[in-house]
Amino acid sequence: MKSLTEQLSTYKSVHLNHKNIWTHFIGIPLIIWAVALMISSLGFTVTLTELTFHVNLMMVISLVILCYYIILSPQLAVLALLLFGPLIYSALMLSSIDNKWLVALAAFTVGWIFQFIGHGFEKAKPAFIDDLNQLLIGPLFLLAELYFACGGLAQLNKKVTEQALVKRTQFEEKRASS
């Protein structure tokens, strides 16, 4: 498994423009919320002795992603739980509304529009084009950027930025020679 520094530097290499990053602060949460709303009604019921409870797919996916984030960075995982937990919970609470698929599709579309507008500013393709795992790193990148903006994780920020700049230079050279 790639290290946190490697994952974030790959993502940051195509997210160096501040306008692009800001569009991601809108787009990524919208996409997460939309996906949570779309799959919140998919699940199963578990009965253990006298206890019966419903487990939905979003809960399972969220738990797996949170475990992955804990492996990469416990600090960022806690922030993910604090910031994305309520976002996912709100989608779960709205999962019984009429036209939920239409609402989710609209939010999903608007989220991706923000993403692609940002990459227009960046003049670089989204990171997930070359590595689908980067779809999971996007939210973690936003959390890391929050830490960095507040002066936290300074050593990680330095390493990630240095590696990202090297990767971006390689990307630019490859694009120029094509």
C-alpha atoms as a PDB file:
ATOM      1  CA  MET A   1       0.000   0.000   0.000  1.00  0.00           C
ATOM      2  CA  LYS A   2       1.257   3.467  -0.864  1.00  0.00           C
ATOM      3  CA  SER A   3       2.122   5.779   2.022  1.00  0.00           C
ATOM      4  CA  LEU A   4       0.043   8.801   2.993  1.00  0.00           C
ATOM      5  CA  THR A   5       2.738  11.095   1.608  1.00  0.00           C
ATOM      6  CA  GLU A   6       2.760   9.256  -1.728  1.00  0.00           C
ATOM      7  CA  GLN A   7      -1.043   9.269  -1.979  1.00  0.00           C
ATOM      8  CA  LEU A   8      -1.411  12.953  -1.088  1.00  0.00           C
ATOM      9  CA  SER A   9       1.491  14.070  -3.297  1.00  0.00           C
ATOM     10  CA  THR A  10      -0.013  12.276  -6.290  1.00  0.00           C
ATOM     11  CA  TYR A  11      -3.330  13.982  -5.646  1.00  0.00           C
ATOM     12  CA  LYS A  12      -1.765  17.369  -4.946  1.00  0.00           C
ATOM     13  CA  SER A  13       0.315  17.213  -8.137  1.00  0.00           C
ATOM     14  CA  VAL A  14      -2.869  18.003 -10.084  1.00  0.00           C
ATOM     15  CA  HIS A  15      -4.330  20.229  -7.356  1.00  0.00           C
ATOM     16  CA  LEU A  16      -1.828  23.062  -6.988  1.00  0.00           C
ATOM     17  CA  ASN A  17      -4.117  25.880  -8.135  1.00  0.00           C
ATOM     18  CA  HIS A  18      -6.015  27.404  -5.194  1.00  0.00           C
ATOM     19  CA  LYS A  19      -9.155  27.931  -7.292  1.00  0.00           C
ATOM     20  CA  ASN A  20      -9.136  24.235  -8.135  1.00  0.00           C
ATOM     21  CA  ILE A  21      -8.785  23.295  -4.475  1.00  0.00           C
ATOM     22  CA  TRP A  22     -11.678  25.583  -3.503  1.00  0.00           C
ATOM     23  CA  THR A  23     -13.950  24.036  -6.126  1.00  0.00           C
ATOM     24  CA  HIS A  24     -13.106  20.658  -4.607  1.00  0.00           C
ATOM     25  CA  PHE A  25     -14.210  21.881  -1.176  1.00  0.00           C
ATOM     26  CA  ILE A  26     -17.662  22.233  -2.736  1.00  0.00           C
ATOM     27  CA  GLY A  27     -17.617  19.367  -5.238  1.00  0.00           C
ATOM     28  CA  ILE A  28     -16.271  16.526  -3.102  1.00  0.00           C
ATOM     29  CA  PRO A  29     -18.730  16.939  -0.198  1.00  0.00           C
ATOM     30  CA  LEU A  30     -21.605  17.193  -2.697  1.00  0.00           C
ATOM     31  CA  ILE A  31     -20.497  13.977  -4.378  1.00  0.00           C
ATOM     32  CA  ILE A  32     -20.087  12.170  -1.053  1.00  0.00           C
ATOM     33  CA  TRP A  33     -23.540  13.329   0.066  1.00  0.00           C
ATOM     34  CA  ALA A  34     -25.124  12.311  -3.241  1.00  0.00           C
ATOM     35  CA  VAL A  35     -23.565   8.840  -3.198  1.00  0.00           C
ATOM     36  CA  ALA A  36     -24.613   8.395   0.432  1.00  0.00           C
ATOM     37  CA  LEU A  37     -28.165   9.357  -0.472  1.00  0.00           C
ATOM     38  CA  MET A  38     -28.218   7.045  -3.504  1.00  0.00           C
ATOM     39  CA  ILE A  39     -27.061   3.927  -1.712  1.00  0.00           C
ATOM     40  CA  SER A  40     -28.533   4.560   1.737  1.00  0.00           C
ATOM     41  CA  SER A  41     -31.606   2.437   1.065  1.00  0.00           C
ATOM     42  CA  LEU A  42     -29.567  -0.588  -0.020  1.00  0.00           C
ATOM     43  CA  GLY A  43     -28.996  -2.889   2.903  1.00  0.00           C
ATOM     44  CA  PHE A  44     -30.082  -5.841   4.944  1.00  0.00           C
ATOM     45  CA  THR A  45     -31.562  -6.697   8.323  1.00  0.00           C
ATOM     46  CA  VAL A  46     -29.545  -8.536  10.943  1.00  0.00           C
ATOM     47  CA  THR A  47     -31.227 -10.385  13.784  1.00  0.00           C
ATOM     48  CA  LEU A  48     -29.167 -11.517  16.756  1.00  0.00           C
ATOM     49  CA  THR A  49     -31.229 -13.257  19.411  1.00  0.00           C
ATOM     50  CA  GLU A  50     -33.730 -10.530  20.337  1.00  0.00           C
ATOM     51  CA  LEU A  51     -31.883  -7.662  18.657  1.00  0.00           C
ATOM     52  CA  THR A  52     -32.818  -6.682  15.123  1.00  0.00           C
ATOM     53  CA  PHE A  53     -31.167  -3.843  13.245  1.00  0.00           C
ATOM     54  CA  HIS A  54     -30.833  -2.615   9.699  1.00  0.00           C
ATOM     55  CA  VAL A  55     -27.403  -2.265   8.109  1.00  0.00           C
ATOM     56  CA  ASN A  56     -27.187  -0.264   4.908  1.00  0.00           C
ATOM     57  CA  LEU A  57     -24.491  -0.299   2.285  1.00  0.00           C
ATOM     58  CA  MET A  58     -23.397   3.272   3.051  1.00  0.00           C
ATOM     59  CA  MET A  59     -22.627   2.345   6.651  1.00  0.00           C
ATOM     60  CA  VAL A  60     -20.467  -0.576   5.506  1.00  0.00           C
ATOM     61  CA  ILE A  61     -18.638   1.471   2.856  1.00  0.00           C
ATOM     62  CA  SER A  62     -18.079   4.350   5.301  1.00  0.00           C
ATOM     63  CA  LEU A  63     -16.631   1.993   7.895  1.00  0.00           C
ATOM     64  CA  VAL A  64     -14.251   0.405   5.371  1.00  0.00           C
ATOM     65  CA  ILE A  65     -13.077   3.821   4.139  1.00  0.00           C
ATOM     66  CA  LEU A  66     -12.651   5.062   7.711  1.00  0.00           C
ATOM     67  CA  CYS A  67     -10.473   2.013   8.487  1.00  0.00           C
ATOM     68  CA  TYR A  68      -8.382   2.787   5.398  1.00  0.00           C
ATOM     69  CA  TYR A  69      -8.002   6.394   6.573  1.00  0.00           C
ATOM     70  CA  ILE A  70      -6.994   5.197  10.063  1.00  0.00           C
ATOM     71  CA  ILE A  71      -4.250   3.081   8.501  1.00  0.00           C
ATOM     72  CA  LEU A  72      -3.015   6.085   6.482  1.00  0.00           C
ATOM     73  CA  SER A  73      -3.386   8.715   9.215  1.00  0.00           C
ATOM     74  CA  PRO A  74      -5.288   8.462  12.504  1.00  0.00           C
ATOM     75  CA  GLN A  75      -5.345  12.286  12.790  1.00  0.00           C
ATOM     76  CA  LEU A  76      -6.977  12.728   9.382  1.00  0.00           C
ATOM     77  CA  ALA A  77      -9.337   9.820  10.062  1.00  0.00           C
ATOM     78  CA  VAL A  78     -10.674  11.544  13.181  1.00  0.00           C
ATOM     79  CA  LEU A  79     -11.252  14.737  11.198  1.00  0.00           C
ATOM     80  CA  ALA A  80     -12.958  12.689   8.467  1.00  0.00           C
ATOM     81  CA  LEU A  81     -15.316  11.231  11.040  1.00  0.00           C
ATOM     82  CA  LEU A  82     -16.063  14.670  12.499  1.00  0.00           C
ATOM     83  CA  LEU A  83     -16.634  16.422   9.178  1.00  0.00           C
ATOM     84  CA  PHE A  84     -17.927  13.754   6.813  1.00  0.00           C
ATOM     85  CA  GLY A  85     -19.853  11.777   9.437  1.00  0.00           C
ATOM     86  CA  PRO A  86     -22.617  14.394   9.781  1.00  0.00           C
ATOM     87  CA  LEU A  87     -22.709  14.796   6.008  1.00  0.00           C
ATOM     88  CA  ILE A  88     -23.323  11.080   5.530  1.00  0.00           C
ATOM     89  CA  TYR A  89     -25.751  10.996   8.454  1.00  0.00           C
ATOM     90  CA  SER A  90     -27.836  13.772   6.866  1.00  0.00           C
ATOM     91  CA  ALA A  91     -28.062  11.738   3.671  1.00  0.00           C
ATOM     92  CA  LEU A  92     -29.133   8.685   5.667  1.00  0.00           C
ATOM     93  CA  MET A  93     -31.831  10.750   7.388  1.00  0.00           C
ATOM     94  CA  LEU A  94     -33.125  11.969   4.026  1.00  0.00           C
ATOM     95  CA  SER A  95     -33.084   8.539   2.414  1.00  0.00           C
ATOM     96  CA  SER A  96     -36.862   8.166   2.646  1.00  0.00           C
ATOM     97  CA  ILE A  97     -37.747  11.386   0.801  1.00  0.00           C
ATOM     98  CA  ASP A  98     -39.681  11.278  -2.445  1.00  0.00           C
ATOM     99  CA  ASN A  99     -37.519  11.667  -5.540  1.00  0.00           C
ATOM    100  CA  LYS A 100     -34.339  10.925  -3.581  1.00  0.00           C
ATOM    101  CA  TRP A 101     -32.690   9.596  -6.741  1.00  0.00           C
ATOM    102  CA  LEU A 102     -33.403  12.846  -8.559  1.00  0.00           C
ATOM    103  CA  VAL A 103     -32.053  14.924  -5.668  1.00  0.00           C
ATOM    104  CA  ALA A 104     -28.965  12.698  -5.414  1.00  0.00           C
ATOM    105  CA  LEU A 105     -28.374  12.805  -9.160  1.00  0.00           C
ATOM    106  CA  ALA A 106     -28.638  16.605  -9.157  1.00  0.00           C
ATOM    107  CA  ALA A 107     -26.163  16.944  -6.258  1.00  0.00           C
ATOM    108  CA  PHE A 108     -23.820  14.402  -7.880  1.00  0.00           C
ATOM    109  CA  THR A 109     -23.898  16.288 -11.188  1.00  0.00           C
ATOM    110  CA  VAL A 110     -23.317  19.685  -9.570  1.00  0.00           C
ATOM    111  CA  GLY A 111     -20.456  18.204  -7.526  1.00  0.00           C
ATOM    112  CA  TRP A 112     -18.732  16.895 -10.649  1.00  0.00           C
ATOM    113  CA  ILE A 113     -19.308  20.177 -12.477  1.00  0.00           C
ATOM    114  CA  PHE A 114     -17.394  21.924  -9.674  1.00  0.00           C
ATOM    115  CA  GLN A 115     -14.645  19.308  -9.935  1.00  0.00           C
ATOM    116  CA  PHE A 116     -14.205  19.795 -13.670  1.00  0.00           C
ATOM    117  CA  ILE A 117     -14.388  23.590 -13.433  1.00  0.00           C
ATOM    118  CA  GLY A 118     -11.534  23.354 -10.932  1.00  0.00           C
ATOM    119  CA  HIS A 119      -9.486  21.251 -13.292  1.00  0.00           C
ATOM    120  CA  GLY A 120     -10.097  23.868 -15.967  1.00  0.00           C
ATOM    121  CA  PHE A 121      -8.295  26.344 -13.687  1.00  0.00           C
ATOM    122  CA  GLU A 122      -5.596  23.754 -13.027  1.00  0.00           C
ATOM    123  CA  LYS A 123      -5.187  22.766 -16.685  1.00  0.00           C
ATOM    124  CA  ALA A 124      -4.590  19.196 -15.510  1.00  0.00           C
ATOM    125  CA  LYS A 125      -6.677  16.072 -15.605  1.00  0.00           C
ATOM    126  CA  PRO A 126      -8.244  14.739 -12.385  1.00  0.00           C
ATOM    127  CA  ALA A 127      -6.007  12.397 -10.380  1.00  0.00           C
ATOM    128  CA  PHE A 128      -8.444   9.479 -10.568  1.00  0.00           C
ATOM    129  CA  ILE A 129      -7.980   9.232 -14.356  1.00  0.00           C
ATOM    130  CA  ASP A 130      -4.661   7.452 -13.785  1.00  0.00           C
ATOM    131  CA  ASP A 131      -5.441   5.855 -10.406  1.00  0.00           C
ATOM    132  CA  LEU A 132      -8.996   5.081  -9.247  1.00  0.00           C
ATOM    133  CA  ASN A 133      -7.772   4.944  -5.635  1.00  0.00           C
ATOM    134  CA  GLN A 134      -7.436   8.723  -5.865  1.00  0.00           C
ATOM    135  CA  LEU A 135     -11.250   8.891  -5.602  1.00  0.00           C
ATOM    136  CA  LEU A 136     -10.782   7.823  -1.971  1.00  0.00           C
ATOM    137  CA  ILE A 137      -7.863  10.202  -1.466  1.00  0.00           C
ATOM    138  CA  GLY A 138      -9.784  13.326  -2.563  1.00  0.00           C
ATOM    139  CA  PRO A 139     -11.680  13.694   0.725  1.00  0.00           C
ATOM    140  CA  LEU A 140      -8.511  12.922   2.695  1.00  0.00           C
ATOM    141  CA  PHE A 141      -6.653  15.566   0.674  1.00  0.00           C
ATOM    142  CA  LEU A 142      -9.237  18.197   1.664  1.00  0.00           C
ATOM    143  CA  LEU A 143      -8.816  17.276   5.319  1.00  0.00           C
ATOM    144  CA  ALA A 144      -5.031  17.450   5.012  1.00  0.00           C
ATOM    145  CA  GLU A 145      -5.355  20.870   3.365  1.00  0.00           C
ATOM    146  CA  LEU A 146      -7.420  22.035   6.362  1.00  0.00           C
ATOM    147  CA  TYR A 147      -4.687  20.852   8.728  1.00  0.00           C
ATOM    148  CA  PHE A 148      -2.028  22.496   6.559  1.00  0.00           C
ATOM    149  CA  ALA A 149      -3.950  25.803   6.432  1.00  0.00           C
ATOM    150  CA  CYS A 150      -4.109  25.824  10.250  1.00  0.00           C
ATOM    151  CA  GLY A 151      -0.371  25.165  10.535  1.00  0.00           C
ATOM    152  CA  GLY A 152      -0.755  21.519  11.485  1.00  0.00           C
ATOM    153  CA  LEU A 153       1.149  18.580  10.029  1.00  0.00           C
ATOM    154  CA  ALA A 154       3.848  20.944   8.762  1.00  0.00           C
ATOM    155  CA  GLN A 155       6.375  18.191   7.970  1.00  0.00           C
ATOM    156  CA  LEU A 156       3.778  16.240   6.001  1.00  0.00           C
ATOM    157  CA  ASN A 157       2.802  19.396   4.118  1.00  0.00           C
ATOM    158  CA  LYS A 158       6.442  20.054   3.205  1.00  0.00           C
ATOM    159  CA  LYS A 159       7.020  16.494   1.947  1.00  0.00           C
ATOM    160  CA  VAL A 160       3.724  16.309   0.075  1.00  0.00           C
ATOM    161  CA  THR A 161       4.266  19.655  -1.630  1.00  0.00           C
ATOM    162  CA  GLU A 162       7.856  18.860  -2.615  1.00  0.00           C
ATOM    163  CA  GLN A 163       6.870  15.510  -4.107  1.00  0.00           C
ATOM    164  CA  ALA A 164       3.792  17.006  -5.784  1.00  0.00           C
ATOM    165  CA  LEU A 165       5.888  19.661  -7.507  1.00  0.00           C
ATOM    166  CA  VAL A 166       8.267  16.999  -8.839  1.00  0.00           C
ATOM    167  CA  LYS A 167       5.352  14.915 -10.108  1.00  0.00           C
ATOM    168  CA  ARG A 168       3.726  17.971 -11.676  1.00  0.00           C
ATOM    169  CA  THR A 169       6.956  18.860 -13.476  1.00  0.00           C
ATOM    170  CA  GLN A 170       7.145  15.312 -14.841  1.00  0.00           C
ATOM    171  CA  PHE A 171       3.494  15.545 -15.899  1.00  0.00           C
ATOM    172  CA  GLU A 172       4.090  18.874 -17.670  1.00  0.00           C
ATOM    173  CA  GLU A 173       7.204  17.537 -19.446  1.00  0.00           C
ATOM    174  CA  LYS A 174       5.305  14.449 -20.592  1.00  0.00           C
ATOM    175  CA  ARG A 175       2.410  16.585 -21.841  1.00  0.00           C
ATOM    176  CA  ALA A 176       4.779  18.940 -23.682  1.00  0.00           C
ATOM    177  CA  SER A 177       6.513  16.062 -25.456  1.00  0.00           C
ATOM    178  CA  SER A 178       3.213  14.513 -26.614  1.00  0.00           C
END
